N, C-alpha and C. Protein backbone atom coordinates (compact mmCIF):
# COMPACT_ATOMS: atom_id res chain seq x y z
N MET A 1 0.82 -1.19 0.00
CA MET A 1 0.00 0.00 0.00
C MET A 1 0.87 1.25 0.00
N ASP A 2 1.97 1.21 0.70
CA ASP A 2 2.86 2.38 0.71
C ASP A 2 3.38 2.69 -0.69
N LEU A 3 3.70 1.66 -1.44
CA LEU A 3 4.19 1.86 -2.80
C LEU A 3 3.09 2.47 -3.68
N ILE A 4 1.88 2.00 -3.53
CA ILE A 4 0.77 2.54 -4.32
C ILE A 4 0.54 4.01 -4.00
N LYS A 5 0.64 4.35 -2.73
CA LYS A 5 0.41 5.74 -2.30
C LYS A 5 1.44 6.72 -2.85
N LEU A 6 2.57 6.21 -3.30
CA LEU A 6 3.60 7.08 -3.87
C LEU A 6 3.24 7.59 -5.26
N HIS A 7 2.20 7.04 -5.87
CA HIS A 7 1.82 7.38 -7.24
C HIS A 7 0.52 8.18 -7.27
N THR A 8 0.40 9.03 -8.27
CA THR A 8 -0.84 9.78 -8.48
C THR A 8 -1.86 8.88 -9.17
N ASN A 9 -3.12 9.29 -9.14
CA ASN A 9 -4.15 8.53 -9.85
C ASN A 9 -3.84 8.45 -11.33
N GLU A 10 -3.31 9.55 -11.88
CA GLU A 10 -2.97 9.56 -13.30
C GLU A 10 -1.90 8.50 -13.60
N GLU A 11 -0.88 8.41 -12.76
CA GLU A 11 0.19 7.43 -12.96
C GLU A 11 -0.35 6.01 -12.87
N ILE A 12 -1.28 5.80 -11.97
CA ILE A 12 -1.82 4.46 -11.75
C ILE A 12 -2.81 4.04 -12.83
N MET A 13 -3.64 4.95 -13.28
CA MET A 13 -4.74 4.58 -14.17
C MET A 13 -4.47 4.78 -15.66
N THR A 14 -3.49 5.57 -16.02
CA THR A 14 -3.24 5.86 -17.44
C THR A 14 -2.47 4.72 -18.10
N LYS A 15 -3.08 4.17 -19.15
CA LYS A 15 -2.40 3.12 -19.90
C LYS A 15 -1.16 3.71 -20.57
N LYS A 16 -0.09 2.94 -20.58
CA LYS A 16 1.19 3.32 -21.19
C LYS A 16 1.86 4.50 -20.50
N TYR A 17 1.42 4.85 -19.29
CA TYR A 17 2.07 5.96 -18.58
C TYR A 17 3.55 5.65 -18.39
N TYR A 18 3.81 4.41 -17.97
CA TYR A 18 5.18 3.92 -17.86
C TYR A 18 5.43 3.00 -19.05
N LYS A 19 6.51 3.22 -19.75
CA LYS A 19 6.81 2.46 -20.96
C LYS A 19 6.82 0.96 -20.69
N TRP A 20 7.34 0.54 -19.55
CA TRP A 20 7.47 -0.88 -19.25
C TRP A 20 6.13 -1.59 -19.02
N THR A 21 5.03 -0.82 -18.86
CA THR A 21 3.72 -1.47 -18.71
C THR A 21 3.12 -1.83 -20.06
N LYS A 22 3.82 -1.45 -21.13
CA LYS A 22 3.39 -1.70 -22.51
C LYS A 22 2.02 -1.11 -22.74
N THR A 23 0.99 -1.91 -23.01
CA THR A 23 -0.34 -1.37 -23.32
C THR A 23 -1.24 -1.30 -22.09
N SER A 24 -0.72 -1.63 -20.94
CA SER A 24 -1.51 -1.69 -19.72
C SER A 24 -1.29 -0.45 -18.86
N ASN A 25 -1.90 -0.46 -17.66
CA ASN A 25 -1.67 0.61 -16.70
C ASN A 25 -1.06 0.02 -15.43
N LEU A 26 -0.59 0.88 -14.57
CA LEU A 26 0.07 0.44 -13.34
C LEU A 26 -0.89 -0.30 -12.42
N TYR A 27 -2.16 0.10 -12.46
CA TYR A 27 -3.19 -0.57 -11.65
C TYR A 27 -3.20 -2.08 -11.91
N SER A 28 -3.11 -2.47 -13.16
CA SER A 28 -3.12 -3.89 -13.51
C SER A 28 -1.99 -4.65 -12.84
N TYR A 29 -0.84 -4.01 -12.77
CA TYR A 29 0.31 -4.65 -12.12
C TYR A 29 0.11 -4.76 -10.60
N PHE A 30 -0.42 -3.70 -10.01
CA PHE A 30 -0.68 -3.74 -8.56
C PHE A 30 -1.74 -4.80 -8.25
N ALA A 31 -2.80 -4.82 -9.02
CA ALA A 31 -3.90 -5.77 -8.77
C ALA A 31 -3.44 -7.22 -8.93
N ALA A 32 -2.60 -7.46 -9.91
CA ALA A 32 -2.14 -8.83 -10.16
C ALA A 32 -1.13 -9.31 -9.13
N ASN A 33 -0.55 -8.41 -8.38
CA ASN A 33 0.52 -8.80 -7.46
C ASN A 33 0.25 -8.46 -6.00
N THR A 34 -1.00 -8.32 -5.66
CA THR A 34 -1.36 -8.08 -4.26
C THR A 34 -2.19 -9.24 -3.75
N SER A 35 -2.38 -9.29 -2.46
CA SER A 35 -3.10 -10.42 -1.85
C SER A 35 -4.53 -10.52 -2.34
N ASN A 36 -5.16 -9.42 -2.73
CA ASN A 36 -6.54 -9.49 -3.22
C ASN A 36 -6.65 -10.40 -4.43
N HIS A 37 -5.66 -10.35 -5.27
CA HIS A 37 -5.67 -11.22 -6.45
C HIS A 37 -5.63 -12.68 -6.02
N TYR A 38 -4.80 -13.00 -5.06
CA TYR A 38 -4.68 -14.37 -4.61
C TYR A 38 -5.93 -14.83 -3.88
N ILE A 39 -6.55 -13.94 -3.12
CA ILE A 39 -7.81 -14.27 -2.44
C ILE A 39 -8.86 -14.61 -3.48
N TRP A 40 -8.94 -13.82 -4.55
CA TRP A 40 -9.88 -14.08 -5.63
C TRP A 40 -9.63 -15.46 -6.23
N ALA A 41 -8.38 -15.78 -6.49
CA ALA A 41 -8.03 -17.06 -7.10
C ALA A 41 -8.37 -18.23 -6.17
N ILE A 42 -8.11 -18.07 -4.89
CA ILE A 42 -8.44 -19.13 -3.92
C ILE A 42 -9.93 -19.38 -3.90
N LYS A 43 -10.73 -18.32 -3.91
CA LYS A 43 -12.20 -18.48 -3.92
C LYS A 43 -12.66 -19.22 -5.17
N LYS A 44 -12.07 -18.89 -6.32
CA LYS A 44 -12.42 -19.58 -7.57
C LYS A 44 -12.06 -21.06 -7.47
N CYS A 45 -10.90 -21.36 -6.92
CA CYS A 45 -10.48 -22.75 -6.77
C CYS A 45 -11.41 -23.51 -5.82
N GLU A 46 -11.85 -22.87 -4.77
CA GLU A 46 -12.77 -23.50 -3.83
C GLU A 46 -14.09 -23.84 -4.51
N VAL A 47 -14.59 -22.94 -5.34
CA VAL A 47 -15.83 -23.19 -6.07
C VAL A 47 -15.67 -24.40 -6.99
N ILE A 48 -14.56 -24.46 -7.70
CA ILE A 48 -14.31 -25.58 -8.60
C ILE A 48 -14.19 -26.88 -7.81
N ALA A 49 -13.45 -26.85 -6.71
CA ALA A 49 -13.27 -28.05 -5.88
C ALA A 49 -14.61 -28.52 -5.34
N ASN A 50 -15.44 -27.61 -4.87
CA ASN A 50 -16.76 -27.99 -4.35
C ASN A 50 -17.64 -28.58 -5.43
N SER A 51 -17.56 -28.05 -6.63
CA SER A 51 -18.38 -28.60 -7.71
C SER A 51 -17.92 -30.01 -8.08
N ILE A 52 -16.62 -30.26 -8.02
CA ILE A 52 -16.10 -31.61 -8.29
C ILE A 52 -16.58 -32.58 -7.22
N ILE A 53 -16.54 -32.15 -5.97
CA ILE A 53 -16.99 -32.99 -4.86
C ILE A 53 -18.47 -33.31 -5.02
N GLU A 54 -19.28 -32.31 -5.34
CA GLU A 54 -20.72 -32.52 -5.52
C GLU A 54 -20.98 -33.45 -6.70
N GLU A 55 -20.23 -33.30 -7.76
CA GLU A 55 -20.38 -34.14 -8.93
C GLU A 55 -20.08 -35.59 -8.59
N LYS A 56 -19.05 -35.81 -7.79
CA LYS A 56 -18.70 -37.19 -7.38
C LYS A 56 -19.78 -37.77 -6.50
N LYS A 57 -20.36 -36.97 -5.61
CA LYS A 57 -21.43 -37.45 -4.72
C LYS A 57 -22.65 -37.89 -5.52
N THR A 58 -23.01 -37.14 -6.54
CA THR A 58 -24.20 -37.46 -7.33
C THR A 58 -23.98 -38.64 -8.26
N SER A 59 -22.73 -38.93 -8.59
CA SER A 59 -22.46 -40.05 -9.49
C SER A 59 -22.34 -41.38 -8.76
N LEU A 60 -22.36 -41.35 -7.43
CA LEU A 60 -22.25 -42.60 -6.66
C LEU A 60 -23.53 -43.32 -6.56
């Protein structure tokens, strides 16, 4: 969060503001590399795992 706070909204939201982001914006990099992204992925995995378990129960 401290790193994010060092940037202006323009720096964070403007696509190609930093050359190394290519066609993206800095927000995309922050979102992909913070715990919120991983929490989202874990929830998706749990949904898939639960559906597999339910599928196995109904096929027995």
